Amino acid sequence: MKIVHVQSVLPQEDVVALKVKTGETSIKEAISKAVYHYLKCHTQV
């Protein structure tokens, strides 16, 4: 698996809400958890 660095700009309130919803304390882990969840749930056919 190749690892790629990704950067994005998000409003602070969205980042705070994402951290709360995922239960993570770091932005990096919250975004990672959300992306993997999205890919798992929305790519199943």
PDB file of N, CA and C in Angstrom:
ATOM      1  N   MET A   1       0.842  -1.173   0.000  1.00  0.00           N
ATOM      2  CA  MET A   1       0.000   0.000   0.000  1.00  0.00           C
ATOM      3  C   MET A   1       0.887   1.236   0.000  1.00  0.00           C
ATOM      4  N   LYS A   2       0.571   2.166  -0.865  1.00  0.00           N
ATOM      5  CA  LYS A   2       1.309   3.419  -0.934  1.00  0.00           C
ATOM      6  C   LYS A   2       0.592   4.449  -0.067  1.00  0.00           C
ATOM      7  N   ILE A   3       1.323   5.169   0.762  1.00  0.00           N
ATOM      8  CA  ILE A   3       0.775   6.207   1.636  1.00  0.00           C
ATOM      9  C   ILE A   3       0.954   7.556   0.959  1.00  0.00           C
ATOM     10  N   VAL A   4      -0.102   8.349   0.940  1.00  0.00           N
ATOM     11  CA  VAL A   4      -0.074   9.661   0.300  1.00  0.00           C
ATOM     12  C   VAL A   4      -0.488  10.712   1.319  1.00  0.00           C
ATOM     13  N   HIS A   5       0.246  11.802   1.362  1.00  0.00           N
ATOM     14  CA  HIS A   5      -0.077  12.916   2.257  1.00  0.00           C
ATOM     15  C   HIS A   5      -1.185  13.743   1.615  1.00  0.00           C
ATOM     16  N   VAL A   6      -2.238  14.048   2.394  1.00  0.00           N
ATOM     17  CA  VAL A   6      -3.367  14.829   1.892  1.00  0.00           C
ATOM     18  C   VAL A   6      -3.581  16.015   2.816  1.00  0.00           C
ATOM     19  N   GLN A   7      -3.868  17.152   2.221  1.00  0.00           N
ATOM     20  CA  GLN A   7      -4.095  18.362   3.006  1.00  0.00           C
ATOM     21  C   GLN A   7      -5.400  18.990   2.561  1.00  0.00           C
ATOM     22  N   SER A   8      -6.160  19.539   3.515  1.00  0.00           N
ATOM     23  CA  SER A   8      -7.432  20.155   3.190  1.00  0.00           C
ATOM     24  C   SER A   8      -7.697  21.336   4.114  1.00  0.00           C
ATOM     25  N   VAL A   9      -8.554  22.229   3.669  1.00  0.00           N
ATOM     26  CA  VAL A   9      -8.952  23.372   4.477  1.00  0.00           C
ATOM     27  C   VAL A   9     -10.414  23.167   4.860  1.00  0.00           C
ATOM     28  N   LEU A  10     -10.690  23.163   6.173  1.00  0.00           N
ATOM     29  CA  LEU A  10     -12.043  22.977   6.676  1.00  0.00           C
ATOM     30  C   LEU A  10     -12.348  24.032   7.729  1.00  0.00           C
ATOM     31  N   PRO A  11     -13.608  24.437   7.840  1.00  0.00           N
ATOM     32  CA  PRO A  11     -13.974  25.371   8.909  1.00  0.00           C
ATOM     33  C   PRO A  11     -13.718  24.732  10.282  1.00  0.00           C
ATOM     34  N   GLN A  12     -13.287  25.526  11.238  1.00  0.00           N
ATOM     35  CA  GLN A  12     -12.953  25.006  12.561  1.00  0.00           C
ATOM     36  C   GLN A  12     -14.132  24.281  13.199  1.00  0.00           C
ATOM     37  N   GLU A  13     -15.347  24.812  13.036  1.00  0.00           N
ATOM     38  CA  GLU A  13     -16.508  24.158  13.660  1.00  0.00           C
ATOM     39  C   GLU A  13     -16.768  22.778  13.061  1.00  0.00           C
ATOM     40  N   ASP A  14     -16.446  22.582  11.781  1.00  0.00           N
ATOM     41  CA  ASP A  14     -16.584  21.256  11.176  1.00  0.00           C
ATOM     42  C   ASP A  14     -15.562  20.286  11.746  1.00  0.00           C
ATOM     43  N   VAL A  15     -14.348  20.769  11.968  1.00  0.00           N
ATOM     44  CA  VAL A  15     -13.299  19.919  12.534  1.00  0.00           C
ATOM     45  C   VAL A  15     -13.654  19.525  13.964  1.00  0.00           C
ATOM     46  N   VAL A  16     -14.143  20.466  14.744  1.00  0.00           N
ATOM     47  CA  VAL A  16     -14.550  20.167  16.124  1.00  0.00           C
ATOM     48  C   VAL A  16     -15.688  19.146  16.122  1.00  0.00           C
ATOM     49  N   ALA A  17     -16.671  19.330  15.258  1.00  0.00           N
ATOM     50  CA  ALA A  17     -17.795  18.388  15.180  1.00  0.00           C
ATOM     51  C   ALA A  17     -17.321  17.006  14.748  1.00  0.00           C
ATOM     52  N   LEU A  18     -16.375  16.951  13.820  1.00  0.00           N
ATOM     53  CA  LEU A  18     -15.841  15.674  13.363  1.00  0.00           C
ATOM     54  C   LEU A  18     -15.103  14.954  14.483  1.00  0.00           C
ATOM     55  N   LYS A  19     -14.328  15.697  15.260  1.00  0.00           N
ATOM     56  CA  LYS A  19     -13.620  15.097  16.399  1.00  0.00           C
ATOM     57  C   LYS A  19     -14.606  14.539  17.418  1.00  0.00           C
ATOM     58  N   VAL A  20     -15.682  15.264  17.673  1.00  0.00           N
ATOM     59  CA  VAL A  20     -16.697  14.795  18.628  1.00  0.00           C
ATOM     60  C   VAL A  20     -17.387  13.539  18.085  1.00  0.00           C
ATOM     61  N   LYS A  21     -17.793  13.586  16.834  1.00  0.00           N
ATOM     62  CA  LYS A  21     -18.533  12.472  16.244  1.00  0.00           C
ATOM     63  C   LYS A  21     -17.698  11.196  16.148  1.00  0.00           C
ATOM     64  N   THR A  22     -16.393  11.336  15.860  1.00  0.00           N
ATOM     65  CA  THR A  22     -15.534  10.153  15.734  1.00  0.00           C
ATOM     66  C   THR A  22     -14.965   9.698  17.077  1.00  0.00           C
ATOM     67  N   GLY A  23     -15.024  10.571  18.075  1.00  0.00           N
ATOM     68  CA  GLY A  23     -14.465  10.224  19.385  1.00  0.00           C
ATOM     69  C   GLY A  23     -12.957  10.354  19.445  1.00  0.00           C
ATOM     70  N   GLU A  24     -12.368  10.992  18.467  1.00  0.00           N
ATOM     71  CA  GLU A  24     -10.915  11.171  18.422  1.00  0.00           C
ATOM     72  C   GLU A  24     -10.531  12.532  18.992  1.00  0.00           C
ATOM     73  N   THR A  25      -9.315  12.629  19.514  1.00  0.00           N
ATOM     74  CA  THR A  25      -8.849  13.898  20.065  1.00  0.00           C
ATOM     75  C   THR A  25      -7.976  14.670  19.094  1.00  0.00           C
ATOM     76  N   SER A  26      -7.436  13.982  18.091  1.00  0.00           N
ATOM     77  CA  SER A  26      -6.586  14.679  17.115  1.00  0.00           C
ATOM     78  C   SER A  26      -7.343  14.845  15.800  1.00  0.00           C
ATOM     79  N   ILE A  27      -7.058  15.932  15.128  1.00  0.00           N
ATOM     80  CA  ILE A  27      -7.695  16.204  13.840  1.00  0.00           C
ATOM     81  C   ILE A  27      -7.316  15.119  12.829  1.00  0.00           C
ATOM     82  N   LYS A  28      -6.046  14.767  12.820  1.00  0.00           N
ATOM     83  CA  LYS A  28      -5.540  13.762  11.876  1.00  0.00           C
ATOM     84  C   LYS A  28      -6.285  12.438  12.016  1.00  0.00           C
ATOM     85  N   GLU A  29      -6.447  11.968  13.231  1.00  0.00           N
ATOM     86  CA  GLU A  29      -7.129  10.696  13.454  1.00  0.00           C
ATOM     87  C   GLU A  29      -8.625  10.795  13.163  1.00  0.00           C
ATOM     88  N   ALA A  30      -9.235  11.933  13.483  1.00  0.00           N
ATOM     89  CA  ALA A  30     -10.662  12.117  13.214  1.00  0.00           C
ATOM     90  C   ALA A  30     -10.938  12.085  11.717  1.00  0.00           C
ATOM     91  N   ILE A  31     -10.110  12.775  10.940  1.00  0.00           N
ATOM     92  CA  ILE A  31     -10.299  12.791   9.493  1.00  0.00           C
ATOM     93  C   ILE A  31     -10.036  11.404   8.907  1.00  0.00           C
ATOM     94  N   SER A  32      -8.997  10.751   9.370  1.00  0.00           N
ATOM     95  CA  SER A  32      -8.684   9.415   8.887  1.00  0.00           C
ATOM     96  C   SER A  32      -9.835   8.450   9.159  1.00  0.00           C
ATOM     97  N   LYS A  33     -10.353   8.469  10.360  1.00  0.00           N
ATOM     98  CA  LYS A  33     -11.457   7.588  10.736  1.00  0.00           C
ATOM     99  C   LYS A  33     -12.692   7.874   9.877  1.00  0.00           C
ATOM    100  N   ALA A  34     -12.982   9.144   9.647  1.00  0.00           N
ATOM    101  CA  ALA A  34     -14.141   9.523   8.838  1.00  0.00           C
ATOM    102  C   ALA A  34     -13.990   9.066   7.392  1.00  0.00           C
ATOM    103  N   VAL A  35     -12.794   9.227   6.819  1.00  0.00           N
ATOM    104  CA  VAL A  35     -12.565   8.818   5.433  1.00  0.00           C
ATOM    105  C   VAL A  35     -12.710   7.311   5.286  1.00  0.00           C
ATOM    106  N   TYR A  36     -12.094   6.549   6.173  1.00  0.00           N
ATOM    107  CA  TYR A  36     -12.205   5.090   6.087  1.00  0.00           C
ATOM    108  C   TYR A  36     -13.641   4.628   6.282  1.00  0.00           C
ATOM    109  N   HIS A  37     -14.369   5.273   7.174  1.00  0.00           N
ATOM    110  CA  HIS A  37     -15.778   4.931   7.384  1.00  0.00           C
ATOM    111  C   HIS A  37     -16.580   5.208   6.110  1.00  0.00           C
ATOM    112  N   TYR A  38     -16.356   6.365   5.505  1.00  0.00           N
ATOM    113  CA  TYR A  38     -17.053   6.719   4.277  1.00  0.00           C
ATOM    114  C   TYR A  38     -16.764   5.702   3.175  1.00  0.00           C
ATOM    115  N   LEU A  39     -15.498   5.364   2.994  1.00  0.00           N
ATOM    116  CA  LEU A  39     -15.129   4.412   1.946  1.00  0.00           C
ATOM    117  C   LEU A  39     -15.748   3.050   2.192  1.00  0.00           C
ATOM    118  N   LYS A  40     -15.797   2.621   3.429  1.00  0.00           N
ATOM    119  CA  LYS A  40     -16.377   1.321   3.751  1.00  0.00           C
ATOM    120  C   LYS A  40     -17.879   1.302   3.509  1.00  0.00           C
ATOM    121  N   CYS A  41     -18.565   2.341   3.912  1.00  0.00           N
ATOM    122  CA  CYS A  41     -20.026   2.378   3.831  1.00  0.00           C
ATOM    123  C   CYS A  41     -20.557   2.757   2.453  1.00  0.00           C
ATOM    124  N   HIS A  42     -19.814   3.560   1.706  1.00  0.00           N
ATOM    125  CA  HIS A  42     -20.342   4.089   0.453  1.00  0.00           C
ATOM    126  C   HIS A  42     -19.741   3.458  -0.802  1.00  0.00           C
ATOM    127  N   THR A  43     -18.934   2.445  -0.646  1.00  0.00           N
ATOM    128  CA  THR A  43     -18.369   1.810  -1.844  1.00  0.00           C
ATOM    129  C   THR A  43     -18.827   0.368  -1.966  1.00  0.00           C
ATOM    130  N   GLN A  44     -19.677  -0.078  -1.071  1.00  0.00           N
ATOM    131  CA  GLN A  44     -20.189  -1.440  -1.161  1.00  0.00           C
ATOM    132  C   GLN A  44     -21.348  -1.471  -2.160  1.00  0.00           C
ATOM    133  N   VAL A  45     -21.289  -2.420  -3.081  1.00  0.00           N
ATOM    134  CA  VAL A  45     -22.321  -2.502  -4.106  1.00  0.00           C
ATOM    135  C   VAL A  45     -23.150  -3.737  -3.901  1.00  0.00           C
TER     136      VAL A  45
END
